[in-house]
Amino acid sequence: MNKDLNLEDQQSLSEAKKKRKEYRKRLQQLKKKKLKQVNTDFNNLHDKEFETMDCLTCANCCKTTSPIFRNADINRLAKHLKIKAGKFTESHLKLDDDQDYVLKSSPCTFLNSDNTCQVYEYRPLACREYPHTDRKNVIQIMNLTLENTEICPAVARIVDKITQA
């Protein structure tokens, strides 16, 4: 766990790890409910959580995991860095088990010491959309949401609230 996290965020992630099986079961049960309502509930909880959550105090996602890099992401970043896409891929990325391009290492190469991003305007779509709890069809990514409860304290709190309802 990221020792730089504040106590509340550490507790949220720790609790999510303990409740993983319970969360999995309850998230699966949500698929039996009215999907539109589940999506609305997730989106509302997302908005409420991110009224107070400051990602720059955490950056656990950037410190512990890698986004998937699509070709458009690679090309955009390579252009910004003024290098060829092949060179960017060779220098920064590897293929994972799913044959997706991800960062070779973590924390993210582009993460500054103050948790800001060196390439924020050019970051991958996966970073732009993270943590995905405000999607229109969040119900379709319940497995990813479950994984994110152990990475993002905000997701841990959102899932805790939605599974208690």
N, C-alpha and C. Protein backbone atom coordinates (compact mmCIF):
# COMPACT_ATOMS: atom_id res chain seq x y z
N MET A 1 0.85 -1.19 0.00
CA MET A 1 0.00 0.00 0.00
C MET A 1 0.88 1.24 0.00
N ASN A 2 0.42 2.27 -0.62
CA ASN A 2 1.14 3.53 -0.73
C ASN A 2 1.21 4.21 0.64
N LYS A 3 2.40 4.28 1.21
CA LYS A 3 2.56 4.86 2.55
C LYS A 3 2.37 6.36 2.57
N ASP A 4 2.30 6.99 1.39
CA ASP A 4 2.09 8.43 1.31
C ASP A 4 0.62 8.83 1.45
N LEU A 5 -0.26 7.85 1.46
CA LEU A 5 -1.69 8.14 1.56
C LEU A 5 -2.05 8.64 2.94
N ASN A 6 -3.08 9.49 2.99
CA ASN A 6 -3.56 9.92 4.31
C ASN A 6 -4.28 8.74 4.98
N LEU A 7 -4.52 8.87 6.26
CA LEU A 7 -5.07 7.77 7.05
C LEU A 7 -6.44 7.32 6.53
N GLU A 8 -7.29 8.26 6.19
CA GLU A 8 -8.63 7.90 5.69
C GLU A 8 -8.52 7.08 4.40
N ASP A 9 -7.64 7.50 3.49
CA ASP A 9 -7.48 6.76 2.24
C ASP A 9 -6.87 5.38 2.48
N GLN A 10 -5.91 5.30 3.38
CA GLN A 10 -5.32 4.00 3.73
C GLN A 10 -6.39 3.06 4.28
N GLN A 11 -7.23 3.60 5.16
CA GLN A 11 -8.30 2.78 5.77
C GLN A 11 -9.30 2.33 4.71
N SER A 12 -9.65 3.20 3.78
CA SER A 12 -10.60 2.84 2.72
C SER A 12 -10.06 1.68 1.88
N LEU A 13 -8.78 1.75 1.52
CA LEU A 13 -8.18 0.69 0.71
C LEU A 13 -8.04 -0.61 1.51
N SER A 14 -7.68 -0.49 2.76
CA SER A 14 -7.55 -1.67 3.62
C SER A 14 -8.90 -2.36 3.80
N GLU A 15 -9.92 -1.58 4.03
CA GLU A 15 -11.28 -2.11 4.20
C GLU A 15 -11.76 -2.79 2.91
N ALA A 16 -11.44 -2.19 1.77
CA ALA A 16 -11.84 -2.77 0.48
C ALA A 16 -11.19 -4.13 0.28
N LYS A 17 -9.94 -4.24 0.67
CA LYS A 17 -9.24 -5.52 0.54
C LYS A 17 -9.91 -6.59 1.40
N LYS A 18 -10.29 -6.22 2.62
CA LYS A 18 -10.96 -7.16 3.54
C LYS A 18 -12.33 -7.56 3.00
N LYS A 19 -13.02 -6.63 2.35
CA LYS A 19 -14.40 -6.87 1.91
C LYS A 19 -14.49 -7.32 0.45
N ARG A 20 -13.37 -7.68 -0.15
CA ARG A 20 -13.34 -8.00 -1.58
C ARG A 20 -14.40 -9.03 -1.98
N LYS A 21 -14.49 -10.14 -1.25
CA LYS A 21 -15.48 -11.19 -1.60
C LYS A 21 -16.90 -10.67 -1.47
N GLU A 22 -17.15 -9.93 -0.39
CA GLU A 22 -18.48 -9.35 -0.18
C GLU A 22 -18.81 -8.37 -1.31
N TYR A 23 -17.86 -7.51 -1.66
CA TYR A 23 -18.09 -6.55 -2.74
C TYR A 23 -18.37 -7.27 -4.06
N ARG A 24 -17.59 -8.32 -4.35
CA ARG A 24 -17.79 -9.06 -5.60
C ARG A 24 -19.23 -9.57 -5.68
N LYS A 25 -19.67 -10.18 -4.59
CA LYS A 25 -21.03 -10.74 -4.54
C LYS A 25 -22.08 -9.64 -4.71
N ARG A 26 -21.92 -8.55 -3.98
CA ARG A 26 -22.92 -7.48 -4.03
C ARG A 26 -22.91 -6.74 -5.37
N LEU A 27 -21.74 -6.57 -5.97
CA LEU A 27 -21.68 -5.93 -7.29
C LEU A 27 -22.35 -6.80 -8.33
N GLN A 28 -22.19 -8.12 -8.22
CA GLN A 28 -22.87 -9.03 -9.15
C GLN A 28 -24.39 -8.94 -8.97
N GLN A 29 -24.83 -8.79 -7.74
CA GLN A 29 -26.27 -8.67 -7.47
C GLN A 29 -26.85 -7.40 -8.09
N LEU A 30 -26.04 -6.37 -8.20
CA LEU A 30 -26.52 -5.11 -8.79
C LEU A 30 -26.95 -5.30 -10.25
N LYS A 31 -26.36 -6.29 -10.92
CA LYS A 31 -26.70 -6.55 -12.32
C LYS A 31 -28.15 -7.00 -12.48
N LYS A 32 -28.76 -7.45 -11.38
CA LYS A 32 -30.15 -7.91 -11.41
C LYS A 32 -31.13 -6.75 -11.21
N LYS A 33 -30.61 -5.60 -10.82
CA LYS A 33 -31.46 -4.44 -10.59
C LYS A 33 -31.63 -3.65 -11.88
N LYS A 34 -32.42 -2.60 -11.81
CA LYS A 34 -32.61 -1.74 -12.98
C LYS A 34 -31.28 -1.07 -13.30
N LEU A 35 -30.75 -1.41 -14.46
CA LEU A 35 -29.42 -0.95 -14.84
C LEU A 35 -29.31 0.57 -14.87
N LYS A 36 -30.34 1.22 -15.35
CA LYS A 36 -30.31 2.68 -15.42
C LYS A 36 -30.17 3.27 -14.03
N GLN A 37 -30.87 2.70 -13.06
CA GLN A 37 -30.81 3.20 -11.68
C GLN A 37 -29.43 2.94 -11.06
N VAL A 38 -28.88 1.77 -11.33
CA VAL A 38 -27.55 1.44 -10.80
C VAL A 38 -26.52 2.42 -11.35
N ASN A 39 -26.58 2.67 -12.65
CA ASN A 39 -25.66 3.64 -13.27
C ASN A 39 -25.84 5.03 -12.66
N THR A 40 -27.08 5.44 -12.49
CA THR A 40 -27.36 6.75 -11.88
C THR A 40 -26.81 6.81 -10.46
N ASP A 41 -27.01 5.74 -9.70
CA ASP A 41 -26.50 5.71 -8.32
C ASP A 41 -24.98 5.81 -8.30
N PHE A 42 -24.31 5.06 -9.16
CA PHE A 42 -22.85 5.13 -9.24
C PHE A 42 -22.40 6.55 -9.60
N ASN A 43 -23.03 7.11 -10.62
CA ASN A 43 -22.65 8.45 -11.08
C ASN A 43 -22.85 9.49 -9.99
N ASN A 44 -23.96 9.39 -9.26
CA ASN A 44 -24.22 10.34 -8.17
C ASN A 44 -23.20 10.19 -7.05
N LEU A 45 -22.89 8.95 -6.69
CA LEU A 45 -21.88 8.72 -5.65
C LEU A 45 -20.50 9.20 -6.11
N HIS A 46 -20.21 9.00 -7.38
CA HIS A 46 -18.95 9.49 -7.95
C HIS A 46 -18.87 11.01 -7.80
N ASP A 47 -19.91 11.69 -8.23
CA ASP A 47 -19.91 13.16 -8.15
C ASP A 47 -19.75 13.64 -6.71
N LYS A 48 -20.46 13.00 -5.80
CA LYS A 48 -20.38 13.39 -4.39
C LYS A 48 -18.98 13.13 -3.82
N GLU A 49 -18.42 11.98 -4.12
CA GLU A 49 -17.09 11.63 -3.61
C GLU A 49 -16.02 12.59 -4.13
N PHE A 50 -16.12 12.94 -5.41
CA PHE A 50 -15.08 13.78 -5.99
C PHE A 50 -15.30 15.28 -5.72
N GLU A 51 -16.34 15.61 -4.97
CA GLU A 51 -16.45 16.98 -4.45
C GLU A 51 -15.38 17.22 -3.39
N THR A 52 -14.98 16.15 -2.69
CA THR A 52 -14.00 16.30 -1.61
C THR A 52 -12.68 15.58 -1.89
N MET A 53 -12.69 14.57 -2.74
CA MET A 53 -11.46 13.81 -3.02
C MET A 53 -10.55 14.64 -3.91
N ASP A 54 -9.32 14.83 -3.47
CA ASP A 54 -8.31 15.52 -4.26
C ASP A 54 -7.29 14.48 -4.72
N CYS A 55 -7.34 14.12 -5.99
CA CYS A 55 -6.47 13.09 -6.52
C CYS A 55 -4.99 13.44 -6.36
N LEU A 56 -4.67 14.70 -6.30
CA LEU A 56 -3.27 15.10 -6.15
C LEU A 56 -2.71 14.80 -4.76
N THR A 57 -3.57 14.54 -3.79
CA THR A 57 -3.08 14.14 -2.47
C THR A 57 -2.86 12.63 -2.41
N CYS A 58 -3.28 11.92 -3.41
CA CYS A 58 -3.23 10.46 -3.43
C CYS A 58 -2.33 9.95 -4.55
N ALA A 59 -2.80 10.02 -5.77
CA ALA A 59 -2.10 9.54 -6.96
C ALA A 59 -1.72 8.06 -6.87
N ASN A 60 -2.45 7.32 -6.06
CA ASN A 60 -2.14 5.90 -5.91
C ASN A 60 -2.26 5.16 -7.23
N CYS A 61 -3.19 5.55 -8.08
CA CYS A 61 -3.33 4.92 -9.38
C CYS A 61 -2.04 5.08 -10.19
N CYS A 62 -1.47 6.26 -10.18
CA CYS A 62 -0.25 6.55 -10.94
C CYS A 62 0.98 5.88 -10.31
N LYS A 63 0.91 5.63 -9.02
CA LYS A 63 2.05 5.06 -8.31
C LYS A 63 2.07 3.54 -8.35
N THR A 64 0.91 2.92 -8.60
CA THR A 64 0.84 1.46 -8.44
C THR A 64 0.39 0.69 -9.67
N THR A 65 -0.23 1.34 -10.64
CA THR A 65 -0.76 0.61 -11.80
C THR A 65 -0.44 1.35 -13.08
N SER A 66 -0.73 0.71 -14.18
CA SER A 66 -0.53 1.35 -15.47
C SER A 66 -1.84 1.37 -16.24
N PRO A 67 -2.07 2.46 -16.94
CA PRO A 67 -3.22 2.47 -17.85
C PRO A 67 -2.87 1.65 -19.09
N ILE A 68 -3.89 1.30 -19.82
CA ILE A 68 -3.70 0.71 -21.15
C ILE A 68 -3.44 1.86 -22.12
N PHE A 69 -2.47 1.70 -22.97
CA PHE A 69 -2.15 2.69 -23.99
C PHE A 69 -2.65 2.20 -25.34
N ARG A 70 -3.62 2.92 -25.90
CA ARG A 70 -4.12 2.61 -27.24
C ARG A 70 -3.17 3.26 -28.25
N ASN A 71 -3.29 2.89 -29.51
CA ASN A 71 -2.44 3.49 -30.55
C ASN A 71 -2.58 5.01 -30.58
N ALA A 72 -3.80 5.49 -30.42
CA ALA A 72 -4.01 6.94 -30.43
C ALA A 72 -3.28 7.61 -29.27
N ASP A 73 -3.23 6.96 -28.11
CA ASP A 73 -2.52 7.49 -26.95
C ASP A 73 -1.02 7.53 -27.23
N ILE A 74 -0.51 6.44 -27.78
CA ILE A 74 0.92 6.34 -28.10
C ILE A 74 1.31 7.43 -29.09
N ASN A 75 0.53 7.58 -30.13
CA ASN A 75 0.84 8.58 -31.16
C ASN A 75 0.78 10.00 -30.60
N ARG A 76 -0.22 10.28 -29.78
CA ARG A 76 -0.37 11.62 -29.20
C ARG A 76 0.80 11.94 -28.27
N LEU A 77 1.17 11.00 -27.41
CA LEU A 77 2.28 11.22 -26.48
C LEU A 77 3.62 11.32 -27.21
N ALA A 78 3.81 10.47 -28.20
CA ALA A 78 5.06 10.51 -28.97
C ALA A 78 5.20 11.86 -29.68
N LYS A 79 4.12 12.32 -30.27
CA LYS A 79 4.15 13.63 -30.94
C LYS A 79 4.49 14.73 -29.95
N HIS A 80 3.84 14.70 -28.79
CA HIS A 80 4.11 15.71 -27.75
C HIS A 80 5.57 15.67 -27.31
N LEU A 81 6.11 14.47 -27.17
CA LEU A 81 7.50 14.31 -26.72
C LEU A 81 8.52 14.46 -27.86
N LYS A 82 7.97 14.63 -29.08
CA LYS A 82 8.81 14.82 -30.26
C LYS A 82 9.72 13.62 -30.53
N ILE A 83 9.13 12.43 -30.39
CA ILE A 83 9.83 11.20 -30.74
C ILE A 83 8.88 10.33 -31.57
N LYS A 84 9.42 9.37 -32.24
CA LYS A 84 8.59 8.47 -33.04
C LYS A 84 7.81 7.53 -32.12
N ALA A 85 6.64 7.13 -32.59
CA ALA A 85 5.78 6.25 -31.79
C ALA A 85 6.51 4.97 -31.41
N GLY A 86 7.27 4.42 -32.32
CA GLY A 86 8.03 3.19 -32.05
C GLY A 86 9.04 3.40 -30.93
N LYS A 87 9.70 4.54 -30.93
CA LYS A 87 10.67 4.86 -29.88
C LYS A 87 9.97 5.03 -28.53
N PHE A 88 8.80 5.69 -28.53
CA PHE A 88 8.03 5.84 -27.29
C PHE A 88 7.66 4.46 -26.74
N THR A 89 7.16 3.61 -27.61
CA THR A 89 6.75 2.27 -27.20
C THR A 89 7.95 1.50 -26.65
N GLU A 90 9.05 1.53 -27.36
CA GLU A 90 10.25 0.82 -26.94
C GLU A 90 10.78 1.33 -25.59
N SER A 91 10.73 2.63 -25.39
CA SER A 91 11.28 3.24 -24.18
C SER A 91 10.40 3.07 -22.95
N HIS A 92 9.08 3.15 -23.14
CA HIS A 92 8.18 3.25 -22.00
C HIS A 92 7.20 2.10 -21.79
N LEU A 93 6.94 1.32 -22.84
CA LEU A 93 5.83 0.37 -22.76
C LEU A 93 6.26 -1.09 -22.93
N LYS A 94 5.37 -1.96 -22.50
CA LYS A 94 5.50 -3.41 -22.71
C LYS A 94 4.11 -3.96 -22.97
N LEU A 95 4.05 -5.15 -23.54
CA LEU A 95 2.78 -5.83 -23.72
C LEU A 95 2.48 -6.65 -22.46
N ASP A 96 1.24 -6.53 -21.96
CA ASP A 96 0.86 -7.32 -20.79
C ASP A 96 0.28 -8.66 -21.24
N ASP A 97 -0.24 -9.42 -20.29
CA ASP A 97 -0.78 -10.74 -20.59
C ASP A 97 -1.97 -10.71 -21.54
N ASP A 98 -2.68 -9.59 -21.57
CA ASP A 98 -3.83 -9.43 -22.46
C ASP A 98 -3.43 -8.82 -23.80
N GLN A 99 -2.11 -8.68 -24.02
CA GLN A 99 -1.56 -8.08 -25.23
C GLN A 99 -1.93 -6.61 -25.39
N ASP A 100 -2.08 -5.94 -24.26
CA ASP A 100 -2.29 -4.50 -24.23
C ASP A 100 -0.98 -3.83 -23.87
N TYR A 101 -0.74 -2.65 -24.43
CA TYR A 101 0.44 -1.89 -24.04
C TYR A 101 0.20 -1.21 -22.70
N VAL A 102 1.14 -1.40 -21.78
CA VAL A 102 1.12 -0.78 -20.46
C VAL A 102 2.53 -0.27 -20.17
N LEU A 103 2.66 0.52 -19.13
CA LEU A 103 3.97 1.03 -18.74
C LEU A 103 4.88 -0.11 -18.30
N LYS A 104 6.17 0.04 -18.58
CA LYS A 104 7.15 -0.96 -18.17
C LYS A 104 7.29 -1.03 -16.66
N SER A 105 7.07 0.09 -15.99
CA SER A 105 7.27 0.11 -14.54
C SER A 105 6.32 1.10 -13.88
N SER A 106 6.27 0.99 -12.57
CA SER A 106 5.50 1.97 -11.80
C SER A 106 6.40 2.43 -10.66
N PRO A 107 6.23 3.62 -10.17
CA PRO A 107 5.20 4.59 -10.55
C PRO A 107 5.36 5.05 -11.99
N CYS A 108 4.33 5.70 -12.47
CA CYS A 108 4.31 6.19 -13.84
C CYS A 108 5.52 7.08 -14.10
N THR A 109 6.12 6.88 -15.24
CA THR A 109 7.27 7.66 -15.68
C THR A 109 6.99 9.16 -15.67
N PHE A 110 5.75 9.52 -15.89
CA PHE A 110 5.39 10.93 -16.06
C PHE A 110 4.83 11.57 -14.78
N LEU A 111 4.90 10.86 -13.67
CA LEU A 111 4.40 11.38 -12.40
C LEU A 111 5.47 12.24 -11.74
N ASN A 112 5.11 13.48 -11.47
CA ASN A 112 6.02 14.40 -10.77
C ASN A 112 5.98 14.14 -9.27
N SER A 113 6.95 14.66 -8.54
CA SER A 113 7.03 14.44 -7.08
C SER A 113 5.85 15.06 -6.33
N ASP A 114 5.20 16.06 -6.94
CA ASP A 114 4.02 16.67 -6.30
C ASP A 114 2.72 16.03 -6.77
N ASN A 115 2.82 14.85 -7.38
CA ASN A 115 1.69 14.06 -7.88
C ASN A 115 1.00 14.66 -9.10
N THR A 116 1.56 15.67 -9.71
CA THR A 116 1.03 16.17 -10.97
C THR A 116 1.61 15.33 -12.10
N CYS A 117 1.03 15.47 -13.27
CA CYS A 117 1.41 14.68 -14.43
C CYS A 117 2.15 15.55 -15.43
N GLN A 118 3.31 15.10 -15.86
CA GLN A 118 4.11 15.84 -16.84
C GLN A 118 3.42 15.94 -18.19
N VAL A 119 2.55 14.99 -18.50
CA VAL A 119 1.90 14.94 -19.82
C VAL A 119 0.38 15.00 -19.69
N TYR A 120 -0.09 15.72 -18.68
CA TYR A 120 -1.52 15.72 -18.35
C TYR A 120 -2.42 15.98 -19.56
N GLU A 121 -2.11 16.96 -20.35
CA GLU A 121 -2.96 17.30 -21.51
C GLU A 121 -2.92 16.21 -22.59
N TYR A 122 -1.91 15.34 -22.53
CA TYR A 122 -1.71 14.33 -23.57
C TYR A 122 -1.86 12.91 -23.03
N ARG A 123 -2.30 12.78 -21.79
CA ARG A 123 -2.36 11.49 -21.11
C ARG A 123 -3.30 10.52 -21.83
N PRO A 124 -3.10 9.22 -21.59
CA PRO A 124 -3.95 8.20 -22.23
C PRO A 124 -5.42 8.33 -21.83
N LEU A 125 -6.27 7.83 -22.70
CA LEU A 125 -7.71 7.84 -22.43
C LEU A 125 -8.03 7.15 -21.11
N ALA A 126 -7.35 6.05 -20.82
CA ALA A 126 -7.61 5.33 -19.57
C ALA A 126 -7.36 6.22 -18.36
N CYS A 127 -6.37 7.09 -18.42
CA CYS A 127 -6.11 8.04 -17.33
C CYS A 127 -7.19 9.11 -17.28
N ARG A 128 -7.60 9.58 -18.44
CA ARG A 128 -8.64 10.62 -18.51
C ARG A 128 -9.94 10.14 -17.89
N GLU A 129 -10.26 8.87 -18.09
CA GLU A 129 -11.54 8.32 -17.65
C GLU A 129 -11.50 7.72 -16.25
N TYR A 130 -10.31 7.50 -15.71
CA TYR A 130 -10.17 6.86 -14.40
C TYR A 130 -10.84 7.70 -13.32
N PRO A 131 -11.55 7.09 -12.40
CA PRO A 131 -11.65 5.66 -12.08
C PRO A 131 -12.86 4.96 -12.71
N HIS A 132 -13.48 5.56 -13.68
CA HIS A 132 -14.55 4.94 -14.47
C HIS A 132 -15.89 4.80 -13.75
N THR A 133 -16.03 5.37 -12.58
CA THR A 133 -17.29 5.25 -11.83
C THR A 133 -18.33 6.28 -12.26
N ASP A 134 -17.98 7.09 -13.24
CA ASP A 134 -18.96 8.05 -13.76
C ASP A 134 -19.37 7.71 -15.19
N ARG A 135 -19.11 6.50 -15.61
CA ARG A 135 -19.49 6.05 -16.95
C ARG A 135 -21.01 5.93 -17.07
N LYS A 136 -21.47 5.95 -18.31
CA LYS A 136 -22.90 5.75 -18.55
C LYS A 136 -23.30 4.31 -18.27
N ASN A 137 -22.40 3.37 -18.54
CA ASN A 137 -22.70 1.95 -18.34
C ASN A 137 -21.69 1.32 -17.39
N VAL A 138 -21.59 1.87 -16.21
CA VAL A 138 -20.63 1.37 -15.23
C VAL A 138 -20.92 -0.08 -14.87
N ILE A 139 -22.14 -0.49 -15.01
CA ILE A 139 -22.53 -1.87 -14.69
C ILE A 139 -21.75 -2.87 -15.55
N GLN A 140 -21.30 -2.44 -16.73
CA GLN A 140 -20.57 -3.33 -17.64
C GLN A 140 -19.13 -3.58 -17.19
N ILE A 141 -18.64 -2.79 -16.26
CA ILE A 141 -17.23 -2.92 -15.85
C ILE A 141 -17.11 -3.23 -14.36
N MET A 142 -18.00 -4.04 -13.85
CA MET A 142 -18.00 -4.35 -12.42
C MET A 142 -16.70 -5.02 -11.97
N ASN A 143 -16.11 -5.88 -12.81
CA ASN A 143 -14.84 -6.52 -12.43
C ASN A 143 -13.73 -5.49 -12.29
N LEU A 144 -13.67 -4.55 -13.21
CA LEU A 144 -12.68 -3.48 -13.15
C LEU A 144 -12.94 -2.59 -11.93
N THR A 145 -14.19 -2.30 -11.67
CA THR A 145 -14.55 -1.49 -10.50
C THR A 145 -14.10 -2.18 -9.22
N LEU A 146 -14.31 -3.49 -9.15
CA LEU A 146 -13.86 -4.24 -7.98
C LEU A 146 -12.34 -4.13 -7.83
N GLU A 147 -11.62 -4.29 -8.91
CA GLU A 147 -10.15 -4.14 -8.87
C GLU A 147 -9.76 -2.74 -8.38
N ASN A 148 -10.47 -1.75 -8.85
CA ASN A 148 -10.14 -0.37 -8.51
C ASN A 148 -10.43 -0.01 -7.06
N THR A 149 -11.22 -0.83 -6.36
CA THR A 149 -11.46 -0.56 -4.93
C THR A 149 -10.17 -0.71 -4.12
N GLU A 150 -9.21 -1.44 -4.66
CA GLU A 150 -7.94 -1.64 -3.95
C GLU A 150 -6.84 -0.70 -4.44
N ILE A 151 -7.19 0.16 -5.38
CA ILE A 151 -6.24 1.13 -5.93
C ILE A 151 -6.65 2.56 -5.59
N CYS A 152 -7.93 2.84 -5.76
CA CYS A 152 -8.44 4.20 -5.59
C CYS A 152 -9.33 4.28 -4.34
N PRO A 153 -8.93 5.05 -3.35
CA PRO A 153 -9.75 5.16 -2.14
C PRO A 153 -11.16 5.68 -2.43
N ALA A 154 -11.29 6.54 -3.42
CA ALA A 154 -12.62 7.07 -3.78
C ALA A 154 -13.51 5.94 -4.28
N VAL A 155 -12.98 5.06 -5.10
CA VAL A 155 -13.77 3.92 -5.60
C VAL A 155 -14.14 3.01 -4.43
N ALA A 156 -13.20 2.80 -3.52
CA ALA A 156 -13.49 1.97 -2.34
C ALA A 156 -14.68 2.54 -1.58
N ARG A 157 -14.70 3.85 -1.40
CA ARG A 157 -15.81 4.47 -0.66
C ARG A 157 -17.12 4.42 -1.46
N ILE A 158 -17.03 4.63 -2.76
CA ILE A 158 -18.23 4.56 -3.62
C ILE A 158 -18.82 3.16 -3.57
N VAL A 159 -17.99 2.15 -3.75
CA VAL A 159 -18.49 0.77 -3.74
C VAL A 159 -19.01 0.39 -2.37
N ASP A 160 -18.35 0.84 -1.32
CA ASP A 160 -18.85 0.54 0.01
C ASP A 160 -20.25 1.11 0.19
N LYS A 161 -20.46 2.33 -0.26
CA LYS A 161 -21.77 2.96 -0.12
C LYS A 161 -22.82 2.27 -1.00
N ILE A 162 -22.47 1.95 -2.22
CA ILE A 162 -23.46 1.37 -3.14
C ILE A 162 -23.82 -0.06 -2.74
N THR A 163 -22.89 -0.76 -2.11
CA THR A 163 -23.20 -2.13 -1.68
C THR A 163 -23.93 -2.17 -0.35
N GLN A 164 -23.96 -1.06 0.36
CA GLN A 164 -24.71 -0.97 1.61
C GLN A 164 -26.17 -0.58 1.38
N ALA A 165 -26.42 -0.01 0.22
CA ALA A 165 -27.77 0.51 -0.08
C ALA A 165 -28.78 -0.59 -0.26
